Protein backbone atom coordinates (compact mmCIF):
# COMPACT_ATOMS: atom_id res chain seq x y z
CA MET A 1 102.63 114.78 94.44
CA ALA A 2 106.15 116.46 94.68
CA MET A 3 107.68 115.74 97.99
CA ALA A 4 111.42 117.16 97.30
CA ASP A 5 112.03 117.00 101.11
CA GLU A 6 109.59 119.81 101.58
CA ARG A 7 107.31 121.31 98.79
CA ASP A 8 106.04 124.60 100.44
CA THR A 9 106.06 125.10 104.38
CA THR A 10 105.62 128.81 104.44
CA VAL A 11 102.79 130.78 104.77
CA ALA A 12 100.14 132.25 102.67
CA ALA A 13 97.05 134.43 103.06
CA PRO A 14 94.00 132.40 103.69
CA VAL A 15 91.81 131.57 100.81
CA SER A 16 89.15 134.23 100.30
CA ALA A 17 85.38 133.24 100.47
CA ASP A 18 85.06 133.77 96.69
CA ALA A 19 88.22 132.01 95.50
CA VAL A 20 87.22 130.13 92.27
CA SER A 21 88.64 126.52 91.19
CA GLY A 22 87.83 124.43 88.21
CA ALA A 23 89.05 126.46 85.14
CA THR A 24 90.24 129.37 86.86
CA ALA A 25 93.17 129.63 89.24
CA VAL A 26 92.35 129.77 93.11
CA LYS A 27 93.16 133.20 94.19
CA THR A 28 96.01 133.05 96.93
CA VAL A 29 98.80 134.72 98.02
CA PRO A 30 102.05 132.83 96.45
CA PRO A 31 104.14 131.46 98.98
CA ARG A 32 107.96 132.91 99.14
CA VAL A 33 110.10 130.07 98.72
CA PRO A 34 113.66 131.48 99.15
CA THR A 35 115.27 128.72 96.37
CA GLU A 36 113.26 129.93 93.54
CA SER A 37 112.42 133.22 91.73
CA ALA A 38 108.92 134.50 91.16
CA PRO A 39 108.68 133.86 87.37
CA ASP A 40 105.19 135.63 86.90
CA SER A 41 106.73 138.77 88.75
CA PRO A 42 106.94 141.98 86.33
CA LEU A 43 110.09 142.83 85.50
CA ARG A 44 111.16 146.61 86.01
CA ARG A 45 111.42 148.90 82.61
CA VAL A 46 113.33 151.76 81.89
CA PRO A 47 110.98 154.79 80.50
CA SER A 48 110.75 154.88 77.12
CA GLY A 49 113.05 157.90 75.99
CA ARG A 50 115.14 157.52 79.15
CA ARG A 51 118.40 155.53 79.61
CA PRO A 52 119.34 153.95 82.72
CA GLY A 53 121.25 156.00 85.13
CA ARG A 54 120.56 159.62 83.39
CA HIS A 55 120.20 162.43 86.09
CA ARG A 56 121.14 160.35 89.08
CA GLY A 57 122.92 163.51 90.21
CA ARG A 58 119.63 165.80 89.91
CA HIS A 59 117.94 163.35 91.81
CA LYS A 60 120.13 161.97 94.67
CA GLY A 61 118.67 164.23 97.62
CA THR A 62 115.66 163.86 96.82
CA ARG A 63 115.92 159.51 97.08
CA THR A 64 117.84 160.29 100.36
CA PHE A 65 115.03 162.30 101.63
CA ARG A 66 112.74 159.73 100.65
CA ARG A 67 114.54 156.52 101.94
CA THR A 68 114.62 158.66 105.32
CA GLY A 69 111.52 159.15 105.42
CA ALA A 70 110.89 155.11 104.37
CA LEU A 71 112.99 154.31 107.68
CA LEU A 72 111.05 156.71 109.97
CA LEU A 73 107.63 155.37 108.89
CA VAL A 74 108.70 151.41 109.51
CA ALA A 75 110.39 152.48 112.70
CA ALA A 76 107.01 154.38 114.07
CA LEU A 77 105.56 150.99 113.05
CA ILE A 78 107.56 148.75 114.79
CA ALA A 79 107.15 151.13 117.83
CA THR A 80 103.72 150.64 117.79
CA GLY A 81 103.46 147.22 117.63
CA GLY A 82 102.64 147.08 113.84
CA ALA A 83 98.98 147.75 114.52
CA THR A 84 98.43 148.92 110.99
CA ALA A 85 100.07 145.84 109.10
CA PRO A 86 97.87 142.53 108.51
CA GLU A 87 98.67 139.47 110.44
CA ARG A 88 98.51 136.15 108.68
CA THR A 89 96.59 133.66 111.26
CA GLU A 90 96.16 130.63 108.67
CA PRO A 91 98.70 129.03 105.65
CA GLY A 92 96.78 129.61 102.22
CA TRP A 93 96.35 125.68 102.41
CA ALA A 94 94.30 126.02 105.86
CA SER A 95 91.09 125.11 104.14
CA PRO A 96 89.61 121.91 105.53
CA GLY A 97 88.05 120.75 102.52
CA LEU A 98 86.27 121.58 99.16
CA ILE A 99 82.78 122.48 98.57
CA GLY A 100 80.94 120.92 95.57
CA GLY A 101 77.20 120.67 94.58
CA GLY A 102 77.35 117.01 92.55
CA GLY A 103 76.57 118.30 89.42
CA TRP A 104 78.84 118.48 86.26
CA PRO A 105 81.69 119.22 86.13
CA PHE A 106 82.39 118.77 89.61
CA THR A 107 83.63 121.61 90.46
CA GLY A 108 85.51 122.17 93.78
CA VAL A 109 86.63 124.98 95.87
CA PRO A 110 88.08 125.63 99.38
CA LEU A 111 86.00 126.31 102.07
CA PRO A 112 87.55 129.21 103.80
CA PRO A 113 89.36 128.38 107.34
CA GLU A 114 87.23 130.81 109.19
CA GLN A 115 83.95 129.76 107.83
CA ALA A 116 85.07 125.97 108.82
CA ASP A 117 84.50 125.82 112.70
CA GLY A 118 81.35 123.84 113.19
CA ALA A 119 81.03 123.43 109.51
CA SER A 120 80.05 119.69 108.08
CA TYR A 121 79.38 117.90 104.47
CA LEU A 122 75.64 116.73 104.21
CA PRO A 123 75.85 113.04 104.51
CA ASP A 124 77.12 111.15 101.41
CA SER A 125 77.83 115.36 99.84
CA SER A 126 79.95 117.48 98.87
CA ALA A 127 77.88 120.45 100.06
CA VAL A 128 78.40 121.95 103.31
CA ARG A 129 76.03 122.79 105.88
CA LEU A 130 77.47 126.11 108.00
CA PRO A 131 77.04 126.50 111.87
CA ASP A 132 73.95 128.75 111.25
CA GLY A 133 72.13 125.87 109.63
CA ARG A 134 72.67 127.51 105.49
CA ILE A 135 74.19 124.99 103.05
CA ARG A 136 77.15 126.33 100.91
CA LEU A 137 77.16 124.45 97.27
CA ILE A 138 78.47 124.96 93.78
CA PRO A 139 74.84 124.98 91.70
CA SER A 140 75.02 122.53 88.76
CA GLY A 141 76.75 123.89 86.37
CA GLY A 142 78.40 126.64 88.16
CA GLU A 143 82.21 127.68 89.35
CA ARG A 144 81.30 129.93 92.13
CA PRO A 145 79.74 128.52 95.53
CA VAL A 146 76.55 130.17 96.99
CA THR A 147 75.34 129.92 100.64
CA VAL A 148 71.27 128.87 100.38
CA GLU A 149 68.73 128.11 102.81
CA ALA A 150 68.74 124.15 103.51
CA ASP A 151 65.16 123.81 101.84
CA ASP A 152 66.69 125.51 98.39
CA PRO A 153 66.04 123.01 95.93
CA ARG A 154 69.21 123.01 95.02
CA VAL A 155 70.73 121.39 98.34
CA ARG A 156 68.46 118.44 97.38
CA HIS A 157 69.44 118.07 93.79
CA ALA A 158 73.27 118.52 95.05
CA ILE A 159 72.50 115.63 97.64
CA HIS A 160 70.97 113.14 95.05
CA SER A 161 73.66 113.78 92.71
CA ASP A 162 76.09 113.26 95.37
CA SER A 163 74.64 109.83 96.52
CA ALA A 164 73.55 108.65 93.15
CA TRP A 165 77.41 108.42 91.84
CA LEU A 166 78.14 106.95 94.81
CA SER A 167 75.88 104.48 94.58
CA GLN A 168 76.87 103.34 91.12
CA GLY A 169 79.81 102.09 92.71
CA THR A 170 80.73 100.59 96.12
CA ILE A 171 82.12 102.56 99.15
CA PRO A 172 84.76 99.76 100.98
CA THR A 173 84.74 99.71 104.88
CA GLY A 174 87.35 96.90 105.47
CA GLY A 175 84.88 94.90 106.66
CA LEU A 176 84.90 93.74 110.18
CA ASP A 177 88.15 94.24 112.82
CA PRO A 178 88.51 90.35 112.62
CA VAL A 179 89.53 90.82 116.44
CA THR A 180 86.53 92.65 117.98
CA GLY A 181 84.15 91.93 115.29
CA THR A 182 82.78 95.24 115.00
CA ASP A 183 82.65 97.85 112.41
CA PRO A 184 86.05 99.92 112.64
CA GLY A 185 84.15 102.81 111.33
CA TYR A 186 85.95 103.88 108.29
CA ARG A 187 82.76 104.54 105.83
CA ASP A 188 82.52 108.27 106.15
CA MET A 189 86.29 108.56 105.57
CA SER A 190 85.83 106.54 102.34
CA ALA A 191 82.99 107.75 101.02
CA ARG A 192 84.61 111.62 101.49
CA ALA A 193 87.75 110.31 99.73
CA LEU A 194 85.69 109.11 96.77
CA LEU A 195 83.71 112.44 96.54
CA ASP A 196 87.15 114.29 97.03
CA LEU A 197 89.19 112.24 94.07
CA ARG A 198 85.98 112.84 92.04
CA LEU A 199 86.37 116.90 92.60
CA LEU A 200 89.93 116.81 91.87
CA THR A 201 89.48 114.97 88.93
CA ARG A 202 88.83 117.74 86.04
CA PRO A 203 86.33 116.88 82.76
CA ASN A 204 89.58 116.24 80.48
CA GLY A 205 90.79 113.57 82.99
CA ALA A 206 93.41 115.91 84.87
CA SER A 207 93.89 114.49 88.50
CA LEU A 208 94.85 117.31 90.04
CA ALA A 209 96.84 116.09 93.46
CA SER A 210 95.19 118.98 95.30
CA TRP A 211 93.48 122.29 95.26
CA TYR A 212 96.22 124.65 96.02
CA SER A 213 99.30 126.60 94.36
CA LYS A 214 101.95 124.00 93.76
CA TRP A 215 99.46 121.22 94.08
CA ARG A 216 97.12 122.16 91.85
CA TYR A 217 98.70 119.94 88.96
CA ALA A 218 98.47 116.39 87.47
CA TRP A 219 101.50 113.95 88.15
CA PRO A 220 101.26 110.94 86.55
CA ARG A 221 102.23 108.64 89.90
CA ASP A 222 99.46 110.42 91.58
CA SER A 223 97.15 110.08 88.73
CA ALA A 224 97.92 106.10 88.10
CA PHE A 225 96.55 105.95 91.74
CA ALA A 226 93.39 107.55 91.20
CA VAL A 227 92.63 105.63 88.31
CA ALA A 228 93.23 102.29 90.75
CA ALA A 229 90.96 103.58 93.39
CA PHE A 230 88.17 104.93 90.93
CA THR A 231 88.36 101.25 89.38
CA VAL A 232 88.25 98.87 92.67
CA THR A 233 84.98 101.41 94.02
CA GLY A 234 83.32 100.56 90.79
CA HIS A 235 83.87 103.75 88.82
CA PRO A 236 85.05 102.53 85.53
CA ALA A 237 84.42 106.34 83.15
CA GLU A 238 86.05 108.24 86.10
CA ALA A 239 89.22 105.78 85.34
CA ARG A 240 88.89 105.93 81.80
CA ARG A 241 88.76 108.88 81.88
CA VAL A 242 92.18 109.66 83.95
CA LEU A 243 93.95 107.17 81.61
CA GLY A 244 92.57 108.98 78.58
CA PHE A 245 94.27 111.99 79.72
CA LEU A 246 97.76 110.39 80.16
CA SER A 247 97.29 108.65 76.47
CA ARG A 248 96.55 111.97 75.62
CA VAL A 249 99.38 113.82 77.08
CA GLN A 250 102.07 111.16 76.60
CA ASN A 251 105.51 111.71 74.79
CA ASP A 252 106.19 109.97 71.65
CA ASP A 253 109.35 108.47 73.50
CA GLY A 254 106.88 106.85 75.79
CA MET A 255 107.82 109.21 78.82
CA TRP A 256 105.63 111.87 80.39
CA ALA A 257 106.62 115.19 82.20
CA ALA A 258 107.03 115.39 85.72
CA ARG A 259 103.73 116.87 86.02
CA TYR A 260 101.08 118.57 83.88
CA HIS A 261 98.45 121.76 84.15
CA ALA A 262 94.79 120.88 84.10
CA ASN A 263 94.59 122.03 80.34
CA GLY A 264 97.13 119.13 79.49
CA THR A 265 100.07 121.43 78.71
CA ALA A 266 103.43 120.19 80.57
CA VAL A 267 104.70 122.48 83.42
CA THR A 268 108.35 123.57 82.13
CA ASP A 269 109.68 124.32 85.32
CA GLY A 270 113.16 122.79 84.85
CA ARG A 271 112.62 119.44 86.93
CA ALA A 272 113.63 116.17 85.00
CA ALA A 273 110.95 113.55 83.83
CA GLN A 274 110.50 110.85 86.28
CA LEU A 275 110.99 107.43 85.19
CA ASP A 276 108.54 105.82 87.94
CA SER A 277 105.89 107.13 86.21
CA LEU A 278 105.84 104.56 83.48
CA GLY A 279 105.75 101.76 85.85
CA TRP A 280 103.02 103.28 87.73
CA VAL A 281 101.10 104.20 84.60
CA LEU A 282 101.33 100.69 83.09
CA TRP A 283 100.05 98.94 86.51
CA ALA A 284 97.07 100.99 86.75
CA THR A 285 96.38 100.53 83.55
CA TRP A 286 96.81 96.64 83.90
CA PHE A 287 94.80 97.05 87.45
CA HIS A 288 91.94 98.37 85.51
CA GLN A 289 91.62 96.02 82.67
CA GLN A 290 91.67 93.19 85.60
CA HIS A 291 88.60 94.81 86.72
CA HIS A 292 86.93 95.76 83.86
CA PRO A 293 87.93 93.92 80.31
CA PRO A 294 88.41 96.35 77.68
CA ALA A 295 84.97 95.95 75.11
CA ASP A 296 85.52 96.33 71.43
CA GLY A 297 85.89 99.68 70.29
CA GLU A 298 86.01 101.20 73.69
CA VAL A 299 87.67 104.53 73.95
CA PRO A 300 90.14 105.41 74.72
CA ASP A 301 92.39 102.58 73.10
CA LEU A 302 95.53 102.59 75.39
CA TRP A 303 97.24 99.84 73.46
CA PRO A 304 99.90 102.87 71.76
CA MET A 305 100.31 104.33 75.30
CA VAL A 306 101.10 101.06 76.66
CA ARG A 307 103.56 100.26 73.83
CA ARG A 308 105.62 103.45 74.17
CA ALA A 309 105.89 102.98 77.79
CA ALA A 310 107.15 99.80 78.05
CA ASP A 311 109.23 99.80 75.05
CA HIS A 312 111.13 102.78 76.93
CA LEU A 313 111.45 100.61 80.26
CA ALA A 314 112.58 97.89 78.55
CA LEU A 315 115.31 99.29 75.78
CA SER A 316 116.44 101.51 79.34
CA LEU A 317 117.82 98.81 81.52
CA ASP A 318 121.72 98.70 81.17
CA ALA A 319 123.81 96.01 81.33
CA GLU A 320 123.07 95.35 85.24
CA GLY A 321 119.74 95.22 84.35
CA LEU A 322 118.74 98.38 86.07
CA PRO A 323 117.10 101.44 84.83
CA PRO A 324 119.22 104.81 84.60
CA ALA A 325 119.26 106.69 87.80
CA SER A 326 116.43 109.13 87.67
CA SER A 327 113.67 111.42 90.26
CA ASP A 328 111.12 109.45 92.15
CA TYR A 329 108.32 110.50 94.57
CA TRP A 330 110.56 112.37 96.34
CA GLU A 331 111.00 114.25 93.28
CA ARG A 332 115.07 114.65 94.50
CA ASP A 333 117.50 114.76 91.91
CA PRO A 334 119.60 111.51 91.67
CA ARG A 335 123.11 112.94 92.48
CA HIS A 336 121.99 113.68 96.13
CA GLU A 337 120.85 110.01 96.37
CA GLN A 338 123.50 107.86 98.65
CA ASP A 339 124.54 106.19 95.48
CA PRO A 340 123.72 108.98 92.69
CA ARG A 341 124.85 106.43 89.43
CA ARG A 342 121.93 103.69 90.29
CA PRO A 343 118.50 104.15 90.49
CA THR A 344 116.60 104.27 93.57
CA LEU A 345 114.27 101.82 94.52
CA GLY A 346 111.55 104.33 94.13
CA VAL A 347 112.42 103.66 90.41
CA VAL A 348 113.00 100.17 90.34
CA GLY A 349 109.62 99.04 91.87
CA PRO A 350 107.16 101.02 89.86
CA VAL A 351 109.56 100.03 86.87
CA LEU A 352 109.29 96.68 87.66
CA ALA A 353 105.57 96.59 88.30
CA GLY A 354 105.15 98.23 85.32
CA LEU A 355 107.18 95.92 83.06
CA ARG A 356 105.23 92.94 84.64
CA SER A 357 102.09 94.42 84.00
CA ALA A 358 102.65 95.81 80.25
CA ALA A 359 103.83 91.76 79.37
CA ASP A 360 100.31 90.53 81.29
CA LEU A 361 98.50 93.21 78.67
CA ALA A 362 100.50 92.01 75.99
CA GLU A 363 99.66 88.61 76.11
CA ARG A 364 95.92 88.97 76.75
CA ARG A 365 95.77 91.05 73.62
CA GLY A 366 97.55 88.59 72.00
CA GLU A 367 100.82 90.57 71.46
CA GLY A 368 103.11 87.71 72.33
CA GLY A 369 106.68 89.08 70.93
CA LYS A 370 105.73 92.06 73.04
CA ALA A 371 105.02 90.00 75.60
CA ALA A 372 108.29 88.01 75.49
CA GLU A 373 110.15 90.72 75.29
CA TRP A 374 108.82 92.42 78.26
CA ARG A 375 108.64 89.62 80.19
CA ARG A 376 112.50 89.11 79.65
CA ALA A 377 113.06 92.93 80.34
CA ALA A 378 111.28 91.88 83.76
CA ARG A 379 113.40 89.04 84.75
CA ARG A 380 116.28 91.09 84.16
CA LEU A 381 115.20 93.53 86.49
CA SER A 382 114.02 91.30 89.14
CA ALA A 383 117.58 89.46 89.35
CA ALA A 384 119.16 93.09 89.21
CA VAL A 385 116.91 93.55 92.40
CA ASP A 386 117.94 90.27 94.09
CA ARG A 387 121.62 91.22 93.44
CA GLN A 388 122.15 94.88 94.20
CA PHE A 389 119.31 95.91 96.82
CA ALA A 390 118.46 92.49 98.39
CA PRO A 391 121.90 91.87 100.15
CA TYR A 392 121.26 94.99 102.30
CA GLY A 393 117.92 94.80 103.32
CA TYR A 394 116.42 96.66 100.61
CA PRO A 395 117.10 100.20 100.78
CA ARG A 396 116.35 103.33 98.82
CA SER A 397 120.02 103.04 97.34
CA PRO A 398 121.70 99.92 96.91
CA VAL A 399 125.17 100.55 98.90
CA PRO A 400 126.22 98.98 102.19
CA GLY A 401 124.09 100.96 105.14
CA GLY A 402 121.66 101.95 102.93
CA LEU A 403 118.53 104.33 104.43
CA MET A 404 115.30 102.63 104.28
CA ASP A 405 112.33 104.52 102.98
CA THR A 406 108.58 103.66 101.76
CA SER A 407 109.47 102.59 98.59
CA VAL A 408 110.10 99.15 99.87
CA THR A 409 106.67 98.69 99.75
CA PHE A 410 106.76 99.51 96.16
CA ILE A 411 107.90 95.70 95.72
CA ALA A 412 105.16 94.11 98.19
CA PRO A 413 101.54 93.38 97.14
CA PRO A 414 99.65 94.74 95.48
CA PHE A 415 102.44 95.69 93.41
CA ALA A 416 104.08 92.55 93.71
CA ALA A 417 103.55 89.00 95.24
CA ALA A 418 104.72 88.32 98.92
CA ASP A 419 108.22 87.68 100.06
CA PRO A 420 109.16 86.83 103.50
CA ALA A 421 112.53 89.25 103.29
CA VAL A 422 110.50 92.23 101.96
CA THR A 423 108.44 91.67 104.69
CA SER A 424 110.63 91.52 107.09
CA ALA A 425 112.26 95.17 105.23
CA VAL A 426 109.10 96.84 104.92
CA ILE A 427 108.31 96.41 108.53
CA ASP A 428 112.17 97.64 109.36
CA ALA A 429 111.72 100.70 107.32
CA ALA A 430 108.30 101.53 109.12
CA ARG A 431 109.84 100.87 112.40
CA LYS A 432 112.95 103.66 111.45
CA GLN A 433 110.65 106.05 109.83
CA ALA A 434 107.84 106.16 112.93
CA LEU A 435 107.12 109.18 114.76
CA PRO A 436 105.74 110.28 117.95
CA ASN A 437 102.49 111.48 116.87
CA GLY A 438 102.23 108.15 115.29
CA GLY A 439 102.60 108.82 111.51
CA VAL A 440 106.07 108.66 109.68
CA LEU A 441 108.66 110.06 107.53
CA PRO A 442 108.69 109.14 103.79
CA GLY A 443 112.08 107.86 104.06
CA GLU A 444 114.71 107.23 107.28
CA ARG A 445 116.85 110.57 108.50
CA TRP A 446 114.57 112.83 106.00
CA SER A 447 116.40 115.93 105.46
CA GLY A 448 112.92 117.74 105.57
CA SER A 449 110.66 118.33 109.06
CA PRO A 450 111.72 115.78 110.96
CA ASP A 451 108.45 115.77 113.47
CA VAL A 452 105.39 116.24 110.61
CA ALA A 453 104.14 112.69 109.31
CA TRP A 454 103.42 112.39 105.85
CA THR A 455 99.86 111.19 105.14
CA PRO A 456 100.73 109.13 102.16
CA GLU A 457 103.32 107.18 103.49
CA VAL A 458 101.11 105.95 106.23
CA ALA A 459 98.77 105.00 103.78
CA MET A 460 101.09 103.06 101.58
CA PHE A 461 102.34 100.84 104.82
CA GLY A 462 99.07 100.53 105.52
CA LEU A 463 97.97 99.27 101.59
CA THR A 464 100.89 97.05 101.81
CA ALA A 465 99.61 95.33 105.20
CA ALA A 466 95.94 94.99 104.07
CA ALA A 467 97.17 93.36 100.50
CA SER A 468 99.64 91.27 102.72
CA GLY A 469 97.19 89.86 104.87
CA ARG A 470 98.71 91.81 108.36
CA THR A 471 95.48 93.16 108.58
CA GLY A 472 95.78 94.48 112.53
CA ASP A 473 98.75 97.03 111.18
CA ALA A 474 96.26 97.99 107.96
CA LEU A 475 93.78 98.66 110.93
CA SER A 476 96.03 100.72 113.05
CA ARG A 477 97.16 102.73 110.19
CA LEU A 478 93.75 103.14 108.71
CA SER A 479 92.49 104.48 112.45
CA TRP A 480 95.18 106.99 112.71
CA LEU A 481 94.51 108.57 109.36
CA SER A 482 90.91 108.79 110.18
CA ALA A 483 91.54 110.43 113.21
CA HIS A 484 94.08 112.83 111.69
CA ARG A 485 91.51 114.24 108.87
CA THR A 486 90.99 117.97 108.90
CA SER A 487 87.15 119.59 110.77
CA LEU A 488 85.14 118.14 107.79
CA GLY A 489 86.74 114.87 107.64
CA VAL A 490 89.07 115.67 105.10
CA LEU A 491 92.60 113.49 104.60
CA PRO A 492 95.26 116.23 104.49
CA GLU A 493 99.17 115.65 103.12
CA LYS A 494 101.00 115.97 106.49
CA VAL A 495 100.10 116.41 110.07
CA GLY A 496 102.15 117.95 111.94
CA PRO A 497 103.83 117.32 115.70
CA ALA A 498 100.61 118.57 117.53
CA GLY A 499 98.36 116.08 115.53
CA ARG A 500 96.86 119.25 113.19
CA PRO A 501 96.94 118.97 109.37
CA ALA A 502 100.31 120.28 107.87
CA GLY A 503 99.50 120.26 104.32
CA PRO A 504 96.68 121.01 102.20
CA ALA A 505 93.81 118.94 101.86
CA PRO A 506 92.31 116.58 100.55
CA LEU A 507 95.48 115.07 99.08
CA GLY A 508 94.44 112.92 95.81
CA TRP A 509 97.11 110.36 96.76
CA THR A 510 96.08 109.66 99.89
CA ALA A 511 92.53 109.40 99.14
CA ALA A 512 93.34 106.55 96.49
CA LEU A 513 95.45 104.99 98.77
CA VAL A 514 93.02 104.68 101.70
CA LEU A 515 90.49 103.22 99.41
CA LEU A 516 92.85 100.67 98.11
CA SER A 517 93.53 99.85 101.59
CA LEU A 518 89.88 99.18 102.69
CA SER A 519 89.16 97.28 99.51
CA ALA A 520 92.26 95.10 100.35
CA LEU A 521 90.73 94.06 103.27
CA GLU A 522 87.60 93.35 101.76
CA ASP A 523 88.76 91.29 98.92
CA PRO A 524 92.16 90.14 97.77
CA LEU A 525 93.83 92.85 95.49
CA PRO A 526 95.59 91.86 91.80
CA VAL A 527 98.83 91.36 91.97
CA PRO A 528 101.10 91.65 88.33
CA PRO A 529 102.22 88.36 87.31
CA ALA A 530 105.95 87.77 87.56
CA ASP A 531 106.01 85.02 85.12
């Protein structure tokens, strides 16, 4: 998921009721971003046989007349209050959730905001009950939603399909609140997060960040967390499908593009590859195999992917033991960091977890040479973290007075063993990033909207708390996320100062983090071994 300060805060037209998802892009009015050109806008062509600039004098008076007429028309519209101009009342991402139907290929289409008031999901299903009692769903094998009566057989099929899939695994709830001894009531949020992750995962394994516009891509980073969430909830087939996609699109040098189209082609928008994605995918692969050891002849064979990524990371370390500067989950040019010469903790943390994960995978596979090589690289990097980041309290950039950000959680459980100094840094970062609405900013002195909370960051602090045994903190984060879902109960990307969703919903990364957090409260999550 892109975060480069702000990804899309402009207002776009509401999604129509017939917007189509799946293989066809959702029809929306694209947002206008002042700093970006519109690459798909048609070029103005000179008509055949006419040279630019010819006959300019002949039409000068006509153009002047037309320009004057246009200005008078604009003035008239302004004088009448612009009554004929269309109003945009909702952002293009304002849908409260996706309509599904429980049938392959699990296509999700956004429910238009104008249909959301009074609508609700049927229990354990992605079919939506409209205020008039009818049901909106996508028939099995279809791509467009239909509205049917509640007793239509397709409704029963949709409910059965979704419920049966959920029952194949587990729906983590976090267990009982240890203080009150009561159920904190997270089951609905958990089931919805699982069903949304399935709707965002295409048949080829592309795990989309969300359904709307600039979010409708597969980031390897987000995909890794989808793998972990599917794994821990007992859905290994979906986890392997996402891992298979990542294996197929990986470059020969072990790198991944920053993001991919749903069909697996890399997005060529000029943004550089992001080194942290290698670490996250290696960690997710290890996490999956901790829960589901590979069987003989299992498809896909993930070892070549692991070897390419881990070799790339090990060879990338410099004399200090650090990887090169790179964009991380903020997707910000490293030249804009406090220390542009060295990597952020947002790169270092995942790389360290990835190297440790790869070394353990190699050891279990009987690849002793590779295991030793990658373990040495991990030790060098761990020592560099102790020298470069620890003296300053584990800030984003290893400099005196370095600013804190959520990436300090990347060197805490479940990605690394608990360390008292890191725990203190996590608590310090959460305090410095806290907002009056109860959420957090991505980082200290965040250059984006200063009063908009980001749900992945809230969820990441919650995951670290849950995996570290700080149950009260974890429950507080999860309760905030639960209270700030959309009207359909879906987890959005952001939450505004007034507590309303301020980004698309669902967001796959947040859904995955919530599922991992709830699972961690029930049973300890595995941590990549340091040695």
